[in-house]
Protein backbone atom coordinates (compact mmCIF):
# COMPACT_ATOMS: atom_id res chain seq x y z
CA MET A 1 -28.33 214.57 -83.53
CA ILE A 2 -30.77 216.42 -81.27
CA CYS A 3 -28.90 218.45 -78.64
CA LEU A 4 -31.16 219.17 -75.67
CA SER A 5 -30.21 222.24 -73.64
CA LYS A 6 -32.25 223.29 -70.60
CA ASP A 7 -33.96 226.59 -71.47
CA LEU A 8 -31.39 226.76 -74.30
CA ARG A 9 -28.90 227.92 -71.64
CA ASP A 10 -26.74 224.87 -70.92
CA ASP A 11 -23.28 226.28 -71.72
CA TYR A 12 -21.62 222.91 -72.27
CA VAL A 13 -24.33 221.42 -74.48
CA ASN A 14 -24.48 224.67 -76.43
CA ALA A 15 -20.71 224.71 -76.89
CA PHE A 16 -20.72 221.14 -78.17
CA ALA A 17 -23.66 221.74 -80.53
CA ARG A 18 -22.12 224.86 -82.03
CA GLY A 19 -18.75 223.18 -82.45
CA ALA A 20 -20.45 220.27 -84.22
CA GLU A 21 -22.77 222.60 -86.18
CA LEU A 22 -25.82 220.86 -84.75
CA PRO A 23 -29.16 222.45 -83.81
CA ILE A 24 -29.98 223.18 -80.17
CA TYR A 25 -33.40 222.47 -78.67
CA ASP A 26 -35.03 223.02 -75.30
CA TYR A 27 -36.33 219.99 -73.40
CA SER A 28 -39.85 220.99 -74.42
CA TYR A 29 -38.99 220.01 -78.02
CA ASN A 30 -41.01 217.02 -79.23
CA TRP A 31 -37.97 214.82 -79.80
CA LYS A 32 -40.05 211.63 -79.84
CA ASP A 33 -41.23 212.56 -83.34
CA SER A 34 -37.72 211.87 -84.63
CA ASP A 35 -35.46 208.83 -84.50
CA GLU A 36 -32.26 210.90 -84.40
CA PRO A 37 -29.78 210.32 -81.56
CA ILE A 38 -30.20 212.59 -78.54
CA LEU A 39 -27.56 214.42 -76.52
CA ILE A 40 -28.40 215.25 -72.91
CA ARG A 41 -26.32 216.37 -69.93
CA GLY A 42 -26.73 215.10 -66.39
CA LEU A 43 -28.97 212.55 -64.70
CA GLY A 44 -31.76 215.06 -64.06
CA LYS A 45 -33.43 213.84 -67.27
CA ARG A 46 -33.08 210.15 -66.44
CA ASN A 47 -36.51 209.46 -67.95
CA ILE A 48 -35.17 210.36 -71.40
CA ILE A 49 -32.23 207.98 -70.95
CA LYS A 50 -34.51 205.16 -69.88
CA TYR A 51 -36.87 205.86 -72.79
CA CYS A 52 -33.95 205.59 -75.21
CA ILE A 53 -32.79 202.32 -73.66
CA GLU A 54 -36.27 200.80 -73.71
CA ASN A 55 -36.83 201.86 -77.33
CA ASN A 56 -33.36 200.97 -78.63
CA ARG A 57 -32.67 204.58 -79.55
CA ASP A 58 -29.14 205.96 -79.62
CA TYR A 59 -28.31 208.66 -77.09
CA TYR A 60 -25.21 210.52 -75.96
CA TYR A 61 -24.73 211.36 -72.30
CA MET A 62 -22.61 214.30 -71.13
CA ASP A 63 -21.37 214.76 -67.57
CA SER A 64 -18.22 215.60 -65.60
CA GLY A 65 -14.94 214.28 -66.97
CA TYR A 66 -13.01 211.50 -65.29
CA PHE A 67 -9.92 213.53 -64.40
CA GLY A 68 -8.38 216.97 -64.84
CA ASN A 69 -10.97 219.01 -62.94
CA TYR A 70 -8.99 219.28 -59.70
CA ARG A 71 -6.22 221.83 -59.13
CA GLN A 72 -3.09 220.72 -60.96
CA PRO A 73 -0.36 222.34 -63.09
CA SER A 74 -2.53 222.27 -66.21
CA ASN A 75 -5.56 223.59 -64.28
CA PRO A 76 -4.26 225.63 -61.32
CA LYS A 77 -7.68 226.92 -60.23
CA GLY A 78 -9.46 223.60 -60.57
CA TRP A 79 -12.01 224.77 -63.12
CA LYS A 80 -14.49 222.24 -64.46
CA TYR A 81 -12.88 222.08 -67.89
CA TRP A 82 -13.34 218.38 -68.71
CA HIS A 83 -16.58 216.67 -69.71
CA ARG A 84 -17.23 213.08 -70.71
CA ILE A 85 -19.54 212.19 -73.58
CA VAL A 86 -20.69 208.57 -73.71
CA LYS A 87 -22.68 206.83 -76.42
CA ASN A 88 -25.52 204.69 -75.04
CA GLY A 89 -24.23 204.68 -71.48
CA LEU A 90 -23.41 206.82 -68.47
CA GLN A 91 -19.69 205.98 -68.42
CA HIS A 92 -17.20 204.38 -70.76
CA THR A 93 -16.82 200.74 -69.76
CA ASP A 94 -14.68 199.34 -72.61
CA ILE A 95 -10.99 199.85 -73.36
CA LEU A 96 -10.57 201.42 -76.79
CA GLN A 97 -7.47 200.67 -78.82
CA VAL A 98 -6.22 204.25 -79.04
CA ARG A 99 -2.96 206.14 -78.74
CA ASP A 100 -1.79 207.67 -75.47
CA ASP A 101 -1.50 211.19 -76.92
CA ARG A 102 -4.53 212.58 -75.11
CA LEU A 103 -3.47 211.07 -71.78
CA ARG A 104 0.01 212.57 -72.14
CA ARG A 105 -1.43 215.93 -73.19
CA GLN A 106 -3.61 215.97 -70.08
CA LEU A 107 -0.47 215.39 -67.96
CA MET A 108 -2.03 212.52 -66.03
CA ARG A 109 0.20 209.99 -64.30
CA ILE A 110 -0.58 206.34 -63.62
CA HIS A 111 0.98 205.42 -60.27
CA GLN A 112 2.36 202.06 -59.27
CA TYR A 113 0.35 200.26 -56.58
CA LYS A 114 0.98 201.65 -53.10
CA HIS A 115 0.80 198.25 -51.32
CA HIS A 116 -0.49 199.74 -48.07
CA THR A 117 -0.95 197.27 -45.23
CA ASN A 118 -2.70 198.88 -42.24
CA GLU A 119 -4.99 201.53 -43.68
CA ASN A 120 -8.67 202.25 -44.19
CA ILE A 121 -11.30 201.00 -46.52
CA LEU A 122 -12.63 204.17 -48.11
CA LEU A 123 -16.36 203.91 -48.82
CA VAL A 124 -17.44 206.57 -51.34
CA THR A 125 -21.21 206.91 -51.31
CA PRO A 126 -23.35 207.79 -54.34
CA SER A 127 -25.01 211.19 -54.54
CA GLU A 128 -28.73 211.88 -54.87
CA LYS A 129 -29.09 211.72 -58.66
CA PRO A 130 -27.43 208.30 -59.15
CA CYS A 131 -29.54 206.97 -56.29
CA LYS A 132 -32.68 208.08 -58.11
CA TYR A 133 -31.44 206.75 -61.45
CA TYR A 134 -30.58 203.31 -60.06
CA ASP A 135 -33.53 203.35 -57.66
CA ILE A 136 -31.53 202.76 -54.49
CA ASP A 137 -32.06 204.06 -50.99
CA LEU A 138 -28.80 205.63 -49.82
CA LYS A 139 -29.19 204.79 -46.13
CA LYS A 140 -30.07 201.19 -46.91
CA TRP A 141 -27.24 200.88 -49.43
CA ARG A 142 -24.71 202.29 -46.99
CA LYS A 143 -25.83 199.98 -44.17
CA GLU A 144 -25.84 196.88 -46.38
CA THR A 145 -22.49 197.72 -47.99
CA ILE A 146 -20.80 198.30 -44.64
CA ALA A 147 -22.21 194.96 -43.42
CA GLU A 148 -20.82 193.22 -46.52
CA ILE A 149 -17.41 194.88 -46.09
CA ARG A 150 -17.34 193.73 -42.46
CA LYS A 151 -17.71 190.11 -43.61
CA HIS A 152 -14.38 190.30 -45.41
CA THR A 153 -12.12 192.70 -43.46
CA ASP A 154 -11.75 194.27 -40.05
CA ARG A 155 -9.99 197.37 -41.37
CA PRO A 156 -11.39 200.76 -40.34
CA ILE A 157 -14.02 202.08 -42.74
CA LYS A 158 -13.91 205.75 -43.64
CA ILE A 159 -16.98 207.17 -45.38
CA ARG A 160 -16.68 209.92 -47.97
CA ASP A 161 -20.03 211.46 -48.87
CA LYS A 162 -20.61 213.73 -51.85
CA GLU A 163 -19.88 217.35 -50.90
CA THR A 164 -20.21 220.61 -52.80
CA ARG A 165 -17.67 221.20 -55.53
CA ARG A 166 -16.06 224.00 -53.51
CA THR A 167 -15.55 221.62 -50.59
CA ARG A 168 -14.17 218.91 -52.86
CA LEU A 169 -11.60 221.32 -54.29
CA SER A 170 -10.20 222.01 -50.82
CA ASN A 171 -10.62 218.45 -49.55
CA THR A 172 -9.94 216.30 -52.61
CA ILE A 173 -10.24 212.55 -52.63
CA TYR A 174 -6.45 212.41 -52.77
CA HIS A 175 -6.37 213.52 -49.12
CA ASP A 176 -8.36 210.40 -48.21
CA LEU A 177 -6.38 208.14 -50.51
CA GLN A 178 -3.22 208.86 -48.55
CA ASN A 179 -4.35 206.41 -45.86
CA THR A 180 -6.45 204.01 -47.93
CA PHE A 181 -5.96 200.30 -48.63
CA ALA A 182 -8.90 199.98 -51.06
CA VAL A 183 -11.84 202.05 -52.27
CA VAL A 184 -15.39 200.74 -52.38
CA THR A 185 -17.97 202.71 -54.33
CA TYR A 186 -21.22 202.32 -56.20
CA GLN A 187 -20.46 204.15 -59.46
CA SER A 188 -18.37 207.13 -58.44
CA ILE A 189 -15.51 208.55 -60.50
CA ALA A 190 -13.58 208.01 -57.25
CA ALA A 191 -12.84 204.53 -58.60
CA VAL A 192 -11.06 206.04 -61.60
CA GLU A 193 -9.11 208.40 -59.37
CA ALA A 194 -8.13 205.60 -57.00
CA VAL A 195 -6.87 203.21 -59.69
CA MET A 196 -4.82 205.94 -61.35
CA TYR A 197 -3.35 206.77 -57.95
CA GLY A 198 -2.36 203.16 -57.30
CA ILE A 199 -5.16 202.15 -54.92
CA PRO A 200 -7.36 199.10 -55.70
CA ALA A 201 -11.05 199.87 -56.18
CA PHE A 202 -14.26 197.88 -55.98
CA THR A 203 -17.29 199.06 -57.96
CA LEU A 204 -20.87 197.89 -57.42
CA ALA A 205 -22.51 199.46 -60.50
CA PRO A 206 -21.21 200.19 -64.03
CA THR A 207 -18.29 202.64 -63.97
CA ALA A 208 -15.49 203.74 -66.25
CA ALA A 209 -13.08 201.90 -63.94
CA ASP A 210 -14.73 198.49 -64.42
CA PRO A 211 -11.95 197.07 -66.66
CA VAL A 212 -9.41 197.66 -63.88
CA CYS A 213 -11.50 197.02 -60.74
CA ASP A 214 -12.94 194.16 -58.76
CA LYS A 215 -16.66 193.80 -58.04
CA ASP A 216 -16.55 190.95 -55.54
CA LEU A 217 -16.08 192.33 -52.02
CA SER A 218 -14.87 188.95 -50.82
CA LEU A 219 -11.57 189.93 -52.48
CA LEU A 220 -11.13 193.03 -50.29
CA GLU A 221 -8.02 191.75 -48.52
CA ASN A 222 -6.55 190.40 -51.76
CA PRO A 223 -7.65 192.71 -54.56
CA THR A 224 -6.67 191.89 -58.11
CA GLU A 225 -3.49 193.70 -59.08
CA ILE A 226 -4.02 194.92 -62.63
CA PRO A 227 -0.79 195.09 -64.68
CA TYR A 228 0.53 198.61 -65.20
CA ARG A 229 0.32 198.27 -68.98
CA LYS A 230 -3.39 197.48 -68.89
CA ARG A 231 -4.09 200.38 -66.53
CA TYR A 232 -2.15 202.68 -68.85
CA GLU A 233 -4.11 201.50 -71.90
CA TRP A 234 -7.35 201.93 -69.94
CA ALA A 235 -6.46 205.48 -68.88
CA SER A 236 -5.48 206.32 -72.47
CA SER A 237 -8.88 205.03 -73.54
CA ILE A 238 -10.98 207.12 -71.17
CA ALA A 239 -8.85 210.16 -72.08
CA TYR A 240 -10.45 209.73 -75.51
CA GLY A 241 -13.90 209.89 -73.90
CA GLN A 242 -13.55 213.24 -72.15
CA PHE A 243 -13.14 216.66 -73.70
CA HIS A 244 -11.94 220.09 -72.68
CA THR A 245 -14.48 222.90 -72.94
CA GLU A 246 -12.47 224.34 -75.81
CA GLU A 247 -12.71 220.98 -77.60
CA LEU A 248 -16.48 221.17 -77.29
CA ARG A 249 -16.41 224.60 -78.92
CA ASN A 250 -14.03 223.88 -81.78
CA GLY A 251 -15.56 220.59 -82.95
CA THR A 252 -12.76 218.32 -81.72
CA ALA A 253 -15.15 216.47 -79.38
CA TRP A 254 -17.60 215.75 -82.21
CA ARG A 255 -14.80 214.57 -84.51
CA ILE A 256 -13.33 212.17 -81.93
CA ILE A 257 -16.74 210.79 -80.99
CA ASN A 258 -17.39 209.94 -84.62
CA GLU A 259 -13.96 208.35 -84.98
CA THR A 260 -14.24 206.16 -81.88
CA SER A 261 -17.95 205.22 -81.80
């Protein structure tokens, strides 16, 4: 595997590469001369991802984990400890047949559905990098999505735009979910957070929550209620797709990726 680290200074890529005993290269490395899989982090290098897709070349994508990076008993300061690594995709979209040990170790709870009746539709907008990757205009997408929501419900729409990480730590999505009937998003991890919290979610691009979400906004007033057991198996699965920083360093991430790919 070719691990690409910006200026050789990407702490998370470097930690993973050292834990896996793999070489580290800068983005200037002529990786096209090899057919080895590539590891990259973030959507800033979307051209590499698209090259790999077009040329049927394996790649591994690293980005923020699905859960565990907010303040909680196992992470009281809300450090960005958890990172997902996905083979040939941006997010895990299949349910793996795995144990629930990693979910239990991460102390994550799957809530029963809240069954709210008079609350908001929470529209979580995509940030700049996904917009560039999927080639969408944010203002146009927001306008068109609101118009589509309005066809199917007269509930108030609350918009949650992407803020800085510091702001998100003090104003987490869970504040907004308190008064939410359903979440609509493009590809945000907000869908994962909503489903685990017991709020139905609708996703309009590939997300890790796809197995437990709807995609048809005509169902907004009657979202599909996914059985608890399936949501638990799904959460157990994505827990096997994200790794603590220490697991990057000690080789656990590399071992699990090889076992589950």
